């Protein structure tokens, strides 16, 4: 598997005959391989690993939240408004200091 390829989940029987789900891929130049007893666990880890890969590539980080979509949108808008107010306050302070 070449570096940069997405994480892949494969199903196989281990030496004891139990079916397991293996996730494999590359993260930060390192090969990652992990086994899970259920596909759901493997899928959750795959999403987490791909999120970590995006975080490193784009400086974006994921955060778990209990907010519903509307609440998340309101929180984002509130943060943007706060940032704008802080920027305007800083600009106003610089202008006042020049007077």
Protein backbone atom coordinates (compact mmCIF):
# COMPACT_ATOMS: atom_id res chain seq x y z
CA UNK A 1 0.00 0.00 0.00
CA UNK A 2 1.49 3.37 -0.95
CA UNK A 3 1.67 6.25 1.47
CA UNK A 4 -1.29 8.58 1.34
CA UNK A 5 -3.75 5.80 0.49
CA UNK A 6 -6.90 5.74 2.61
CA UNK A 7 -7.28 3.31 5.46
CA UNK A 8 -8.74 -0.03 4.41
CA UNK A 9 -10.74 -2.49 6.50
CA UNK A 10 -10.33 -6.15 5.61
CA UNK A 11 -11.99 -9.19 7.16
CA UNK A 12 -10.01 -12.34 7.89
CA UNK A 13 -9.85 -15.35 10.18
CA UNK A 14 -6.95 -15.25 12.63
CA UNK A 15 -4.99 -18.33 13.71
CA UNK A 16 -7.66 -19.31 16.26
CA UNK A 17 -10.31 -19.24 13.54
CA UNK A 18 -12.07 -16.15 14.91
CA UNK A 19 -13.18 -13.57 12.33
CA UNK A 20 -11.51 -10.19 12.92
CA UNK A 21 -11.43 -6.89 11.05
CA UNK A 22 -8.03 -5.43 10.24
CA UNK A 23 -7.54 -1.77 9.47
CA UNK A 24 -4.42 -0.82 7.56
CA UNK A 25 -3.01 2.33 6.03
CA UNK A 26 -0.41 5.05 6.39
CA UNK A 27 -0.30 7.94 8.86
CA UNK A 28 2.57 10.43 9.00
CA UNK A 29 4.79 8.09 6.99
CA UNK A 30 4.18 5.14 9.29
CA UNK A 31 2.30 1.96 8.44
CA UNK A 32 -0.68 1.40 10.74
CA UNK A 33 -2.29 -2.04 11.21
CA UNK A 34 -4.82 -2.81 13.94
CA UNK A 35 -7.26 -5.68 14.49
CA UNK A 36 -10.80 -5.32 15.88
CA UNK A 37 -13.44 -7.85 16.82
CA UNK A 38 -16.28 -5.96 15.11
CA UNK A 39 -16.59 -4.00 11.88
CA UNK A 40 -18.13 -1.08 13.81
CA UNK A 41 -15.02 -0.76 16.00
CA UNK A 42 -12.78 -0.92 12.93
CA UNK A 43 -14.88 1.71 11.14
CA UNK A 44 -14.74 4.06 14.14
CA UNK A 45 -10.94 3.70 14.29
CA UNK A 46 -10.66 4.22 10.52
CA UNK A 47 -12.58 7.49 10.80
CA UNK A 48 -10.44 8.62 13.74
CA UNK A 49 -7.20 7.81 11.90
CA UNK A 50 -8.33 9.56 8.73
CA UNK A 51 -9.31 12.56 10.86
CA UNK A 52 -5.83 12.60 12.41
CA UNK A 53 -4.37 12.46 8.91
CA UNK A 54 -6.43 15.46 7.83
CA UNK A 55 -5.52 17.31 11.00
CA UNK A 56 -1.83 16.99 10.25
CA UNK A 57 -2.24 17.90 6.59
CA UNK A 58 -4.56 20.89 7.03
CA UNK A 59 -4.16 21.97 10.65
CA UNK A 60 -7.82 21.06 11.22
CA UNK A 61 -8.73 19.12 14.33
CA UNK A 62 -11.83 17.20 15.15
CA UNK A 63 -13.77 17.62 18.35
CA UNK A 64 -16.59 15.49 19.70
CA UNK A 65 -19.69 17.46 20.61
CA UNK A 66 -23.24 16.81 21.71
CA UNK A 67 -24.50 19.85 19.83
CA UNK A 68 -27.06 19.34 17.10
CA UNK A 69 -26.36 20.90 13.69
CA UNK A 70 -28.28 24.14 14.41
CA UNK A 71 -26.50 24.62 17.74
CA UNK A 72 -23.12 23.97 16.11
CA UNK A 73 -23.89 26.54 13.41
CA UNK A 74 -24.90 29.10 16.06
CA UNK A 75 -21.70 28.44 18.00
CA UNK A 76 -19.58 28.94 14.87
CA UNK A 77 -21.37 32.19 14.03
CA UNK A 78 -20.95 33.42 17.61
CA UNK A 79 -17.22 32.69 17.50
CA UNK A 80 -16.84 34.49 14.18
CA UNK A 81 -18.75 37.50 15.55
CA UNK A 82 -16.55 37.52 18.66
CA UNK A 83 -13.40 37.41 16.53
CA UNK A 84 -14.68 40.32 14.44
CA UNK A 85 -15.43 42.39 17.57
CA UNK A 86 -11.95 41.68 18.98
CA UNK A 87 -10.37 42.70 15.67
CA UNK A 88 -12.40 45.94 15.56
CA UNK A 89 -11.50 46.73 19.17
CA UNK A 90 -7.82 46.23 18.42
CA UNK A 91 -8.07 48.46 15.37
CA UNK A 92 -9.92 51.13 17.33
CA UNK A 93 -7.27 51.03 20.06
CA UNK A 94 -4.49 51.50 17.49
CA UNK A 95 -6.33 54.46 15.92
CA UNK A 96 -6.89 56.06 19.33
CA UNK A 97 -3.22 55.65 20.21
CA UNK A 98 -2.24 57.60 17.08
CA UNK A 99 -4.45 60.59 17.98
